[in-house]
């Protein structure tokens, strides 16, 4: 059976998928998923003969027990699972309890971890592709990236990483486009060689600038959090802008999709661990959350959004005392 790659849809996940696909000689299927969707995607797409790779996907607290049971079942059926990720571990079940080949380090990008894991199977020039992913995830100050960057022209690498991350920013559900990007990068081709990526990057830059100016008018605040609902652009960038403009330690950008509120959260205080905070609080509102200490996300039912924000503001205020 064809190996299956489950990857996050941002630049770090896409680069990790491209590096993995390169080792498979393009003989692999690529699916894009996220922490909340991983369980269902595994359940419906994996057969007993498959070898699977899970890349840059945090394990959601909401489906953790079901996910563990499913992975144990798949393992008994002979499925080999390789998990490469840099998000913090779940709170209730440790990673080592899952029947997987685990490559995990919170201090580096998944792109770097993937390149190192497959290094003996990859052309050494694929290191520049890994660096694109590291830069896109703001993890370009690691010893490996600094050392490897000396082999390339720094200006060119940062330009290409910018094209990649900006071009993907507004392509959230354009899965076929993202698969083309994965295939393109797996062949060690420059992001700027892909005309569709260049056009999308330019368009996203214009959209982001318009959004930045609008956020000043749309932003709202509680005591220690600032938020904006349905910004016309990147949620991650909007979360940063709203935090900055309203001078709050927490910035939240919210997209309302049907009955679900999807949140991107950014923090400027080392007293707050967003991963732990969102994992705990979101569960209380029948949601899910997690990510990194200063950059994370959450999903909650829209009808409970404002209660969630009030509770989150209370927790943040307590932590800041």
Protein backbone atom coordinates (compact mmCIF):
# COMPACT_ATOMS: atom_id res chain seq x y z
CA UNK A 1 0.00 0.00 0.00
CA UNK A 2 1.06 3.60 -0.60
CA UNK A 3 2.49 5.37 2.49
CA UNK A 4 0.28 8.17 3.85
CA UNK A 5 1.52 11.52 5.14
CA UNK A 6 -0.68 13.51 7.52
CA UNK A 7 0.71 17.03 7.86
CA UNK A 8 -0.25 20.41 9.20
CA UNK A 9 -1.11 22.86 6.43
CA UNK A 10 1.27 25.67 7.37
CA UNK A 11 4.75 26.11 5.91
CA UNK A 12 6.47 24.02 8.60
CA UNK A 13 4.07 21.13 8.03
CA UNK A 14 4.24 21.41 4.25
CA UNK A 15 8.05 21.45 4.23
CA UNK A 16 8.06 18.43 6.54
CA UNK A 17 5.71 16.65 4.15
CA UNK A 18 7.92 17.58 1.19
CA UNK A 19 11.04 16.20 2.88
CA UNK A 20 9.21 12.98 3.72
CA UNK A 21 7.80 12.66 0.21
CA UNK A 22 11.30 13.11 -1.22
CA UNK A 23 12.46 10.02 0.68
CA UNK A 24 9.50 8.06 -0.71
CA UNK A 25 10.42 9.04 -4.29
CA UNK A 26 7.02 10.76 -4.58
CA UNK A 27 5.29 7.46 -3.78
CA UNK A 28 3.00 8.72 -1.03
CA UNK A 29 -0.40 10.28 -0.42
CA UNK A 30 -0.54 13.61 1.40
CA UNK A 31 -3.42 14.68 3.65
CA UNK A 32 -3.64 17.93 5.56
CA UNK A 33 -5.11 17.82 9.03
CA UNK A 34 -4.98 19.49 12.44
CA UNK A 35 -5.08 18.37 16.10
CA UNK A 36 -8.88 18.15 16.32
CA UNK A 37 -9.24 16.41 12.95
CA UNK A 38 -6.39 13.90 13.25
CA UNK A 39 -8.44 11.13 14.89
CA UNK A 40 -11.17 11.14 12.23
CA UNK A 41 -8.64 11.40 9.41
CA UNK A 42 -6.73 8.37 10.68
CA UNK A 43 -9.93 6.46 11.27
CA UNK A 44 -11.23 6.93 7.72
CA UNK A 45 -8.05 6.91 5.63
CA UNK A 46 -5.66 4.33 7.08
CA UNK A 47 -5.78 0.66 6.10
CA UNK A 48 -3.90 -2.17 7.77
CA UNK A 49 -1.18 -2.25 5.09
CA UNK A 50 -0.34 1.43 5.28
CA UNK A 51 2.79 3.06 6.66
CA UNK A 52 1.92 6.48 8.01
CA UNK A 53 3.75 9.66 8.94
CA UNK A 54 2.23 12.32 11.21
CA UNK A 55 4.03 15.63 10.85
CA UNK A 56 3.73 18.86 12.83
CA UNK A 57 0.42 17.86 14.46
CA UNK A 58 -0.10 18.36 18.19
CA UNK A 59 -2.22 15.67 19.86
CA UNK A 60 -5.53 17.15 20.99
CA UNK A 61 -6.66 16.59 24.58
CA UNK A 62 -10.24 16.26 23.37
CA UNK A 63 -9.74 13.00 21.43
CA UNK A 64 -6.65 11.71 23.19
CA UNK A 65 -8.04 8.47 24.62
CA UNK A 66 -9.79 7.56 21.37
CA UNK A 67 -6.61 8.36 19.45
CA UNK A 68 -4.56 6.10 21.71
CA UNK A 69 -7.02 3.21 21.24
CA UNK A 70 -7.03 3.69 17.47
CA UNK A 71 -3.25 3.76 17.24
CA UNK A 72 -2.94 0.62 19.34
CA UNK A 73 -5.42 -1.10 17.03
CA UNK A 74 -3.53 0.04 13.92
CA UNK A 75 -0.25 -1.09 15.44
CA UNK A 76 -1.67 -4.57 16.07
CA UNK A 77 -2.71 -4.66 12.41
CA UNK A 78 0.87 -4.01 11.34
CA UNK A 79 0.67 -0.27 10.63
CA UNK A 80 3.98 1.48 11.24
CA UNK A 81 3.45 5.01 12.57
CA UNK A 82 6.16 7.67 12.59
CA UNK A 83 5.37 10.85 14.51
CA UNK A 84 7.57 13.93 14.03
CA UNK A 85 6.55 17.06 15.93
CA UNK A 86 7.71 19.98 18.07
CA UNK A 87 4.55 20.88 20.02
CA UNK A 88 4.37 20.26 23.78
CA UNK A 89 3.15 16.83 24.86
CA UNK A 90 -0.49 16.31 25.88
CA UNK A 91 -1.27 16.85 29.56
CA UNK A 92 -3.08 13.59 30.35
CA UNK A 93 -1.29 10.93 28.27
CA UNK A 94 2.43 10.97 27.56
CA UNK A 95 3.74 10.56 24.02
CA UNK A 96 5.71 7.45 24.96
CA UNK A 97 2.44 5.61 25.61
CA UNK A 98 1.55 5.79 21.92
CA UNK A 99 2.78 2.93 19.69
CA UNK A 100 4.77 5.20 17.35
CA UNK A 101 8.31 5.95 16.24
CA UNK A 102 8.58 9.32 17.99
CA UNK A 103 10.81 12.22 16.96
CA UNK A 104 10.01 15.10 19.28
CA UNK A 105 11.77 18.29 20.35
CA UNK A 106 9.99 21.49 21.37
CA UNK A 107 13.02 23.68 20.72
CA UNK A 108 13.25 23.24 16.94
CA UNK A 109 10.91 23.21 13.95
CA UNK A 110 9.32 20.03 12.65
CA UNK A 111 11.11 20.77 9.36
CA UNK A 112 14.48 20.54 11.09
CA UNK A 113 13.48 17.37 12.92
CA UNK A 114 12.26 15.77 9.69
CA UNK A 115 15.40 16.64 7.77
CA UNK A 116 17.61 15.21 10.52
CA UNK A 117 15.50 12.05 10.73
CA UNK A 118 15.73 11.38 6.98
CA UNK A 119 19.15 12.96 6.40
CA UNK A 120 20.77 9.78 5.09
CA UNK A 121 17.98 9.42 2.50
CA UNK A 122 18.00 13.02 1.30
CA UNK A 123 20.23 15.00 -1.02
CA UNK A 124 22.22 17.38 1.18
CA UNK A 125 20.89 20.33 -0.86
CA UNK A 126 17.42 19.61 0.60
CA UNK A 127 18.72 21.34 3.72
CA UNK A 128 17.62 24.66 2.23
CA UNK A 129 14.04 23.36 2.03
CA UNK A 130 14.19 22.49 5.73
CA UNK A 131 15.43 25.99 6.49
CA UNK A 132 12.38 27.48 4.70
CA UNK A 133 10.15 25.66 7.17
CA UNK A 134 12.22 26.68 10.17
CA UNK A 135 12.12 30.35 9.18
CA UNK A 136 8.39 30.19 8.55
CA UNK A 137 7.83 28.88 12.08
CA UNK A 138 10.14 31.48 13.67
CA UNK A 139 12.64 28.78 14.66
CA UNK A 140 15.59 29.91 12.60
CA UNK A 141 17.93 30.62 15.55
CA UNK A 142 18.71 26.98 16.37
CA UNK A 143 22.33 25.79 16.18
CA UNK A 144 21.56 23.56 13.16
CA UNK A 145 19.85 26.33 11.17
CA UNK A 146 22.63 28.82 11.94
CA UNK A 147 25.29 26.32 10.88
CA UNK A 148 23.47 25.13 7.75
CA UNK A 149 22.54 28.64 6.67
CA UNK A 150 26.25 29.33 6.14
CA UNK A 151 26.09 26.99 3.13
CA UNK A 152 23.55 29.22 1.39
CA UNK A 153 23.05 32.86 0.53
CA UNK A 154 21.06 34.15 3.49
CA UNK A 155 19.19 36.80 1.50
CA UNK A 156 17.97 34.29 -1.06
CA UNK A 157 16.89 31.77 1.58
CA UNK A 158 14.85 34.36 3.51
CA UNK A 159 13.26 35.62 0.30
CA UNK A 160 12.20 32.10 -0.68
CA UNK A 161 10.92 31.36 2.84
CA UNK A 162 8.88 34.57 2.71
CA UNK A 163 7.33 33.62 -0.63
CA UNK A 164 6.43 30.20 0.76
CA UNK A 165 4.91 31.32 4.08
CA UNK A 166 3.10 34.32 2.63
CA UNK A 167 1.81 32.33 -0.35
CA UNK A 168 0.37 29.67 1.94
CA UNK A 169 -1.14 32.09 4.46
CA UNK A 170 -4.45 32.56 2.67
CA UNK A 171 -4.68 29.03 1.28
CA UNK A 172 -6.17 27.35 4.32
CA UNK A 173 -8.49 24.84 2.61
CA UNK A 174 -6.89 24.77 -0.84
CA UNK A 175 -5.63 21.24 -0.35
CA UNK A 176 -4.84 20.44 -3.99
CA UNK A 177 -2.79 23.62 -4.23
CA UNK A 178 -0.92 22.64 -1.07
CA UNK A 179 -0.24 19.17 -2.48
CA UNK A 180 1.29 20.81 -5.54
CA UNK A 181 3.50 22.89 -3.24
CA UNK A 182 4.59 19.74 -1.39
CA UNK A 183 5.46 18.01 -4.66
CA UNK A 184 7.28 21.13 -5.91
CA UNK A 185 9.41 21.40 -2.77
CA UNK A 186 10.08 17.65 -2.66
CA UNK A 187 11.94 18.14 -5.96
CA UNK A 188 14.07 20.87 -4.33
CA UNK A 189 12.61 23.55 -6.56
CA UNK A 190 12.48 27.17 -5.42
CA UNK A 191 9.17 28.50 -4.08
CA UNK A 192 9.61 31.52 -6.38
CA UNK A 193 9.61 29.15 -9.37
CA UNK A 194 5.95 28.36 -8.66
CA UNK A 195 3.98 31.20 -10.22
CA UNK A 196 0.80 30.46 -8.27
CA UNK A 197 2.71 30.72 -5.01
CA UNK A 198 4.23 34.07 -6.02
CA UNK A 199 0.83 35.51 -7.01
CA UNK A 200 -0.77 34.33 -3.78
CA UNK A 201 2.09 35.81 -1.74
CA UNK A 202 1.63 39.20 -3.39
CA UNK A 203 -2.13 39.11 -2.91
CA UNK A 204 -1.78 38.08 0.72
CA UNK A 205 0.60 40.97 1.41
CA UNK A 206 -1.99 43.46 0.13
CA UNK A 207 -4.78 41.77 2.12
CA UNK A 208 -2.66 41.75 5.26
CA UNK A 209 -1.90 45.45 5.02
CA UNK A 210 -5.60 46.30 4.59
CA UNK A 211 -6.42 44.03 7.52
CA UNK A 212 -3.78 45.66 9.71
CA UNK A 213 -5.34 49.07 9.19
CA UNK A 214 -8.87 47.78 9.81
CA UNK A 215 -7.97 46.02 13.05
CA UNK A 216 -7.57 49.36 14.83
CA UNK A 217 -11.29 49.99 14.23
CA UNK A 218 -12.54 46.45 14.87
CA UNK A 219 -10.53 45.44 17.93
CA UNK A 220 -12.13 44.93 21.33
CA UNK A 221 -10.63 44.29 24.73
CA UNK A 222 -11.23 42.84 28.15
CA UNK A 223 -8.88 43.45 31.05
CA UNK A 224 -5.85 41.58 29.72
CA UNK A 225 -6.87 40.24 26.33
CA UNK A 226 -7.54 41.95 23.02
CA UNK A 227 -9.55 40.28 20.30
CA UNK A 228 -10.94 40.75 16.83
CA UNK A 229 -13.67 38.68 15.14
CA UNK A 230 -13.52 37.66 11.48
CA UNK A 231 -10.54 39.75 10.37
CA UNK A 232 -10.15 39.85 6.60
CA UNK A 233 -6.83 38.09 6.46
CA UNK A 234 -4.46 35.81 8.34
CA UNK A 235 -5.65 34.88 11.84
CA UNK A 236 -2.10 34.46 13.11
CA UNK A 237 -1.03 37.91 11.92
CA UNK A 238 -4.27 39.46 13.16
CA UNK A 239 -3.69 38.05 16.65
CA UNK A 240 -0.28 39.75 16.77
CA UNK A 241 -1.60 43.08 15.46
CA UNK A 242 -4.56 43.23 17.86
CA UNK A 243 -2.30 42.47 20.83
CA UNK A 244 0.13 45.17 19.76
CA UNK A 245 -2.40 47.90 19.00
CA UNK A 246 -4.44 47.46 22.18
CA UNK A 247 -1.32 46.89 24.30
CA UNK A 248 -2.56 43.71 25.95
CA UNK A 249 -0.48 40.64 26.86
CA UNK A 250 -2.84 38.38 24.89
CA UNK A 251 -4.07 38.90 21.34
CA UNK A 252 -6.81 36.72 19.84
CA UNK A 253 -8.09 36.58 16.28
CA UNK A 254 -11.34 34.68 15.82
CA UNK A 255 -12.93 33.18 12.75
CA UNK A 256 -16.55 32.08 13.08
CA UNK A 257 -17.14 29.04 10.86
CA UNK A 258 -20.71 27.71 11.07
CA UNK A 259 -21.22 26.99 14.79
CA UNK A 260 -17.54 26.94 15.72
CA UNK A 261 -15.22 29.76 16.77
CA UNK A 262 -11.63 29.14 15.64
CA UNK A 263 -9.05 31.14 17.59
CA UNK A 264 -5.44 32.03 16.94
CA UNK A 265 -3.77 33.33 20.12
CA UNK A 266 -0.49 35.18 20.59
CA UNK A 267 1.11 36.17 23.89
CA UNK A 268 3.90 38.51 24.97
CA UNK A 269 4.28 37.42 28.62
CA UNK A 270 6.55 34.62 29.80
CA UNK A 271 4.25 34.23 32.83
CA UNK A 272 1.63 32.64 30.58
CA UNK A 273 1.92 29.22 28.92
CA UNK A 274 -0.71 29.28 26.20
CA UNK A 275 -0.42 25.57 25.49
CA UNK A 276 -1.30 24.55 29.03
CA UNK A 277 -3.84 27.33 29.52
CA UNK A 278 -5.82 26.69 26.33
CA UNK A 279 -5.77 22.90 26.70
CA UNK A 280 -7.37 23.21 30.14
CA UNK A 281 -9.80 26.08 29.61
CA UNK A 282 -11.08 25.04 26.17
CA UNK A 283 -12.08 21.61 27.47
CA UNK A 284 -14.36 23.26 30.04
CA UNK A 285 -16.32 24.81 27.17
CA UNK A 286 -16.54 21.64 25.07
CA UNK A 287 -13.67 22.80 22.92
CA UNK A 288 -10.02 22.03 22.33
CA UNK A 289 -6.82 24.02 22.40
CA UNK A 290 -3.06 23.97 22.57
CA UNK A 291 0.12 24.80 20.72
CA UNK A 292 3.27 26.53 21.91
CA UNK A 293 3.81 28.59 25.09
CA UNK A 294 3.53 31.95 23.29
CA UNK A 295 1.61 30.95 20.14
CA UNK A 296 -1.36 28.61 20.17
CA UNK A 297 -4.91 28.08 19.01
CA UNK A 298 -8.31 26.86 20.15
CA UNK A 299 -11.76 25.86 18.93
CA UNK A 300 -14.93 26.35 20.97
CA UNK A 301 -18.65 26.31 20.14
CA UNK A 302 -19.60 29.81 18.99
CA UNK A 303 -22.49 29.99 21.45
CA UNK A 304 -19.95 29.71 24.28
CA UNK A 305 -17.31 32.01 22.80
CA UNK A 306 -17.90 35.04 25.02
CA UNK A 307 -18.03 32.92 28.17
CA UNK A 308 -14.76 31.36 27.07
CA UNK A 309 -13.15 34.78 26.52
CA UNK A 310 -14.29 35.98 29.95
CA UNK A 311 -12.89 32.88 31.61
CA UNK A 312 -9.65 33.16 29.67
CA UNK A 313 -9.29 36.80 30.68
CA UNK A 314 -9.80 35.82 34.33
CA UNK A 315 -7.14 33.10 34.10
CA UNK A 316 -4.66 35.42 32.38
CA UNK A 317 -5.25 38.17 34.96
CA UNK A 318 -4.61 35.65 37.75
CA UNK A 319 -1.38 34.46 36.15
CA UNK A 320 -0.13 38.02 35.79
CA UNK A 321 -0.58 38.92 39.46
